[in-house]
Amino acid sequence: MKSFERLVLTHLKNITGPLLDPLQFAYRANRSVDDAVNMGQHYMLQHLDSPGTYARVLFVDFSSAFNTIIPAILQSKLSQLTVPVLRFN
């Protein structure tokens, strides 16, 4: 089954890769939460160099997000992104 999963993953990455936001760091190769925090800190510090400015920061933990996925909604969202539905018997 692992070989099949790798094939499907490669197929999905090829289709969805160009559709992803360049500022998305989660679940992407060679990107991490640390990269996102460092980039956010960089932009925030640049902004704070201007007089009279301030920054608000919100960190949200989505570590259990995949435990709540509803497969039918996921399939609907993927079809909206024009990802072809894979059907295997």
N, C-alpha and C. Protein backbone atom coordinates (compact mmCIF):
# COMPACT_ATOMS: atom_id res chain seq x y z
N MET A 1 0.82 -1.20 0.00
CA MET A 1 0.00 0.00 0.00
C MET A 1 0.85 1.26 0.00
N LYS A 2 2.03 1.21 0.60
CA LYS A 2 2.88 2.40 0.67
C LYS A 2 3.25 2.90 -0.73
N SER A 3 3.51 2.00 -1.65
CA SER A 3 3.86 2.42 -3.01
C SER A 3 2.70 3.15 -3.66
N PHE A 4 1.50 2.63 -3.47
CA PHE A 4 0.31 3.28 -4.02
C PHE A 4 0.12 4.66 -3.41
N GLU A 5 0.32 4.77 -2.10
CA GLU A 5 0.18 6.07 -1.42
C GLU A 5 1.19 7.07 -1.96
N ARG A 6 2.41 6.63 -2.22
CA ARG A 6 3.42 7.53 -2.77
C ARG A 6 3.03 8.01 -4.17
N LEU A 7 2.47 7.12 -4.97
CA LEU A 7 2.03 7.50 -6.32
C LEU A 7 0.92 8.54 -6.26
N VAL A 8 -0.05 8.32 -5.39
CA VAL A 8 -1.16 9.27 -5.25
C VAL A 8 -0.64 10.60 -4.73
N LEU A 9 0.27 10.56 -3.75
CA LEU A 9 0.83 11.79 -3.20
C LEU A 9 1.57 12.58 -4.27
N THR A 10 2.38 11.91 -5.07
CA THR A 10 3.10 12.59 -6.15
C THR A 10 2.12 13.22 -7.14
N HIS A 11 1.08 12.49 -7.47
CA HIS A 11 0.05 13.00 -8.40
C HIS A 11 -0.63 14.24 -7.82
N LEU A 12 -1.02 14.18 -6.56
CA LEU A 12 -1.68 15.33 -5.93
C LEU A 12 -0.75 16.53 -5.81
N LYS A 13 0.51 16.30 -5.49
CA LYS A 13 1.47 17.41 -5.38
C LYS A 13 1.65 18.11 -6.72
N ASN A 14 1.70 17.33 -7.79
CA ASN A 14 1.85 17.94 -9.12
C ASN A 14 0.65 18.81 -9.49
N ILE A 15 -0.53 18.38 -9.09
CA ILE A 15 -1.74 19.12 -9.43
C ILE A 15 -1.92 20.34 -8.53
N THR A 16 -1.74 20.15 -7.22
CA THR A 16 -2.05 21.22 -6.27
C THR A 16 -0.89 22.16 -6.00
N GLY A 17 0.33 21.77 -6.30
CA GLY A 17 1.49 22.60 -6.02
C GLY A 17 1.38 24.03 -6.53
N PRO A 18 1.05 24.23 -7.81
CA PRO A 18 0.94 25.59 -8.33
C PRO A 18 -0.24 26.38 -7.74
N LEU A 19 -1.21 25.69 -7.14
CA LEU A 19 -2.38 26.37 -6.58
C LEU A 19 -2.15 26.86 -5.15
N LEU A 20 -1.11 26.38 -4.50
CA LEU A 20 -0.88 26.72 -3.10
C LEU A 20 -0.29 28.11 -2.95
N ASP A 21 -0.66 28.75 -1.88
CA ASP A 21 -0.14 30.08 -1.55
C ASP A 21 1.35 29.97 -1.25
N PRO A 22 2.18 30.85 -1.82
CA PRO A 22 3.62 30.77 -1.55
C PRO A 22 3.96 31.01 -0.08
N LEU A 23 3.04 31.58 0.68
CA LEU A 23 3.29 31.81 2.10
C LEU A 23 2.74 30.69 2.97
N GLN A 24 2.34 29.58 2.38
CA GLN A 24 1.90 28.42 3.17
C GLN A 24 3.14 27.61 3.52
N PHE A 25 3.35 27.39 4.80
CA PHE A 25 4.53 26.67 5.25
C PHE A 25 4.21 25.27 5.75
N ALA A 26 3.02 25.05 6.26
CA ALA A 26 2.67 23.73 6.81
C ALA A 26 2.51 22.71 5.70
N TYR A 27 2.98 21.51 5.98
CA TYR A 27 2.82 20.37 5.09
C TYR A 27 3.42 20.60 3.71
N ARG A 28 4.52 21.35 3.66
CA ARG A 28 5.24 21.57 2.41
C ARG A 28 6.69 21.17 2.62
N ALA A 29 7.28 20.59 1.61
CA ALA A 29 8.68 20.15 1.69
C ALA A 29 9.59 21.36 1.88
N ASN A 30 10.60 21.19 2.70
CA ASN A 30 11.62 22.21 2.96
C ASN A 30 11.07 23.50 3.55
N ARG A 31 9.94 23.42 4.23
CA ARG A 31 9.37 24.58 4.92
C ARG A 31 8.91 24.11 6.30
N SER A 32 8.99 25.01 7.26
CA SER A 32 8.61 24.62 8.61
C SER A 32 7.92 25.77 9.32
N VAL A 33 7.42 25.47 10.50
CA VAL A 33 6.80 26.50 11.33
C VAL A 33 7.84 27.56 11.68
N ASP A 34 9.07 27.13 11.91
CA ASP A 34 10.13 28.09 12.22
C ASP A 34 10.33 29.09 11.08
N ASP A 35 10.27 28.61 9.85
CA ASP A 35 10.39 29.51 8.69
C ASP A 35 9.26 30.54 8.69
N ALA A 36 8.05 30.09 8.98
CA ALA A 36 6.91 31.00 9.00
C ALA A 36 7.06 32.05 10.11
N VAL A 37 7.48 31.61 11.29
CA VAL A 37 7.67 32.55 12.40
C VAL A 37 8.77 33.54 12.08
N ASN A 38 9.88 33.07 11.53
CA ASN A 38 10.98 33.97 11.17
C ASN A 38 10.56 34.99 10.11
N MET A 39 9.81 34.54 9.12
CA MET A 39 9.34 35.46 8.08
C MET A 39 8.39 36.49 8.67
N GLY A 40 7.46 36.04 9.50
CA GLY A 40 6.54 36.97 10.15
C GLY A 40 7.27 37.97 11.02
N GLN A 41 8.26 37.50 11.75
CA GLN A 41 9.04 38.40 12.60
C GLN A 41 9.80 39.42 11.76
N HIS A 42 10.34 38.98 10.64
CA HIS A 42 11.07 39.89 9.75
C HIS A 42 10.15 41.02 9.26
N TYR A 43 8.96 40.65 8.75
CA TYR A 43 8.03 41.67 8.26
C TYR A 43 7.55 42.59 9.38
N MET A 44 7.34 42.01 10.55
CA MET A 44 6.89 42.81 11.69
C MET A 44 7.96 43.81 12.12
N LEU A 45 9.20 43.36 12.18
CA LEU A 45 10.28 44.27 12.58
C LEU A 45 10.49 45.37 11.55
N GLN A 46 10.35 45.03 10.26
CA GLN A 46 10.44 46.06 9.22
C GLN A 46 9.34 47.10 9.42
N HIS A 47 8.14 46.65 9.70
CA HIS A 47 7.01 47.54 9.92
C HIS A 47 7.24 48.42 11.14
N LEU A 48 7.78 47.84 12.20
CA LEU A 48 7.98 48.58 13.45
C LEU A 48 9.10 49.61 13.36
N ASP A 49 9.89 49.55 12.30
CA ASP A 49 10.93 50.56 12.10
C ASP A 49 10.32 51.92 11.80
N SER A 50 9.10 51.94 11.31
CA SER A 50 8.41 53.21 11.04
C SER A 50 7.87 53.76 12.35
N PRO A 51 7.98 55.09 12.55
CA PRO A 51 7.50 55.67 13.81
C PRO A 51 5.98 55.57 13.96
N GLY A 52 5.53 55.38 15.19
CA GLY A 52 4.11 55.36 15.49
C GLY A 52 3.38 54.10 15.04
N THR A 53 4.10 53.02 14.82
CA THR A 53 3.46 51.78 14.37
C THR A 53 3.47 50.75 15.49
N TYR A 54 2.61 49.78 15.36
CA TYR A 54 2.58 48.67 16.31
C TYR A 54 2.19 47.41 15.55
N ALA A 55 2.32 46.27 16.20
CA ALA A 55 1.97 45.00 15.55
C ALA A 55 1.20 44.13 16.54
N ARG A 56 0.23 43.44 16.02
CA ARG A 56 -0.50 42.44 16.80
C ARG A 56 -0.21 41.08 16.16
N VAL A 57 0.02 40.10 16.99
CA VAL A 57 0.37 38.77 16.50
C VAL A 57 -0.56 37.75 17.14
N LEU A 58 -1.04 36.81 16.35
CA LEU A 58 -1.89 35.73 16.84
C LEU A 58 -1.30 34.41 16.35
N PHE A 59 -1.03 33.52 17.26
CA PHE A 59 -0.56 32.18 16.91
C PHE A 59 -1.70 31.20 17.19
N VAL A 60 -2.00 30.35 16.21
CA VAL A 60 -3.08 29.38 16.35
C VAL A 60 -2.50 27.99 16.12
N ASP A 61 -2.83 27.05 16.98
CA ASP A 61 -2.34 25.68 16.87
C ASP A 61 -3.40 24.81 16.20
N PHE A 62 -3.09 24.36 14.99
CA PHE A 62 -4.00 23.48 14.26
C PHE A 62 -3.49 22.04 14.26
N SER A 63 -2.76 21.65 15.28
CA SER A 63 -2.11 20.34 15.29
C SER A 63 -3.09 19.17 15.20
N SER A 64 -4.31 19.33 15.62
CA SER A 64 -5.30 18.24 15.54
C SER A 64 -6.32 18.47 14.44
N ALA A 65 -6.02 19.32 13.50
CA ALA A 65 -6.99 19.68 12.46
C ALA A 65 -7.42 18.48 11.63
N PHE A 66 -6.50 17.56 11.34
CA PHE A 66 -6.84 16.45 10.47
C PHE A 66 -7.73 15.42 11.14
N ASN A 67 -7.87 15.48 12.44
CA ASN A 67 -8.76 14.56 13.14
C ASN A 67 -10.23 14.90 12.89
N THR A 68 -10.49 16.08 12.36
CA THR A 68 -11.88 16.53 12.19
C THR A 68 -12.30 16.65 10.72
N ILE A 69 -11.48 16.15 9.80
CA ILE A 69 -11.80 16.26 8.37
C ILE A 69 -12.99 15.38 8.02
N ILE A 70 -13.92 15.93 7.27
CA ILE A 70 -15.06 15.18 6.76
C ILE A 70 -14.75 14.86 5.29
N PRO A 71 -14.58 13.57 4.96
CA PRO A 71 -14.14 13.20 3.61
C PRO A 71 -14.97 13.79 2.48
N ALA A 72 -16.28 13.87 2.62
CA ALA A 72 -17.12 14.42 1.55
C ALA A 72 -16.81 15.88 1.29
N ILE A 73 -16.55 16.64 2.35
CA ILE A 73 -16.21 18.06 2.18
C ILE A 73 -14.84 18.19 1.54
N LEU A 74 -13.89 17.35 1.95
CA LEU A 74 -12.56 17.37 1.34
C LEU A 74 -12.65 17.09 -0.15
N GLN A 75 -13.42 16.08 -0.53
CA GLN A 75 -13.59 15.76 -1.95
C GLN A 75 -14.22 16.93 -2.70
N SER A 76 -15.19 17.59 -2.11
CA SER A 76 -15.83 18.74 -2.74
C SER A 76 -14.83 19.88 -2.94
N LYS A 77 -14.02 20.16 -1.92
CA LYS A 77 -13.03 21.24 -2.02
C LYS A 77 -11.98 20.92 -3.08
N LEU A 78 -11.54 19.66 -3.13
CA LEU A 78 -10.56 19.27 -4.14
C LEU A 78 -11.13 19.40 -5.54
N SER A 79 -12.41 19.05 -5.71
CA SER A 79 -13.01 19.19 -7.05
C SER A 79 -13.16 20.65 -7.44
N GLN A 80 -13.36 21.54 -6.45
CA GLN A 80 -13.41 22.98 -6.74
C GLN A 80 -12.06 23.49 -7.23
N LEU A 81 -10.97 22.82 -6.81
CA LEU A 81 -9.63 23.18 -7.26
C LEU A 81 -9.27 22.47 -8.55
N THR A 82 -10.23 21.82 -9.16
CA THR A 82 -10.09 21.04 -10.40
C THR A 82 -9.13 19.87 -10.25
N VAL A 83 -9.04 19.31 -9.05
CA VAL A 83 -8.27 18.09 -8.85
C VAL A 83 -9.16 16.94 -9.28
N PRO A 84 -8.72 16.14 -10.26
CA PRO A 84 -9.57 15.05 -10.72
C PRO A 84 -9.79 14.02 -9.62
N VAL A 85 -10.98 13.48 -9.58
CA VAL A 85 -11.32 12.47 -8.58
C VAL A 85 -10.68 11.15 -9.00
N LEU A 86 -9.95 10.53 -8.09
CA LEU A 86 -9.34 9.24 -8.35
C LEU A 86 -10.26 8.16 -7.82
N ARG A 87 -10.62 7.24 -8.66
CA ARG A 87 -11.49 6.14 -8.23
C ARG A 87 -10.79 4.82 -8.55
N PHE A 88 -10.69 3.99 -7.54
CA PHE A 88 -10.06 2.68 -7.71
C PHE A 88 -10.96 1.63 -7.10
N ASN A 89 -11.04 0.49 -7.75
CA ASN A 89 -11.85 -0.63 -7.23
C ASN A 89 -10.94 -1.69 -6.69
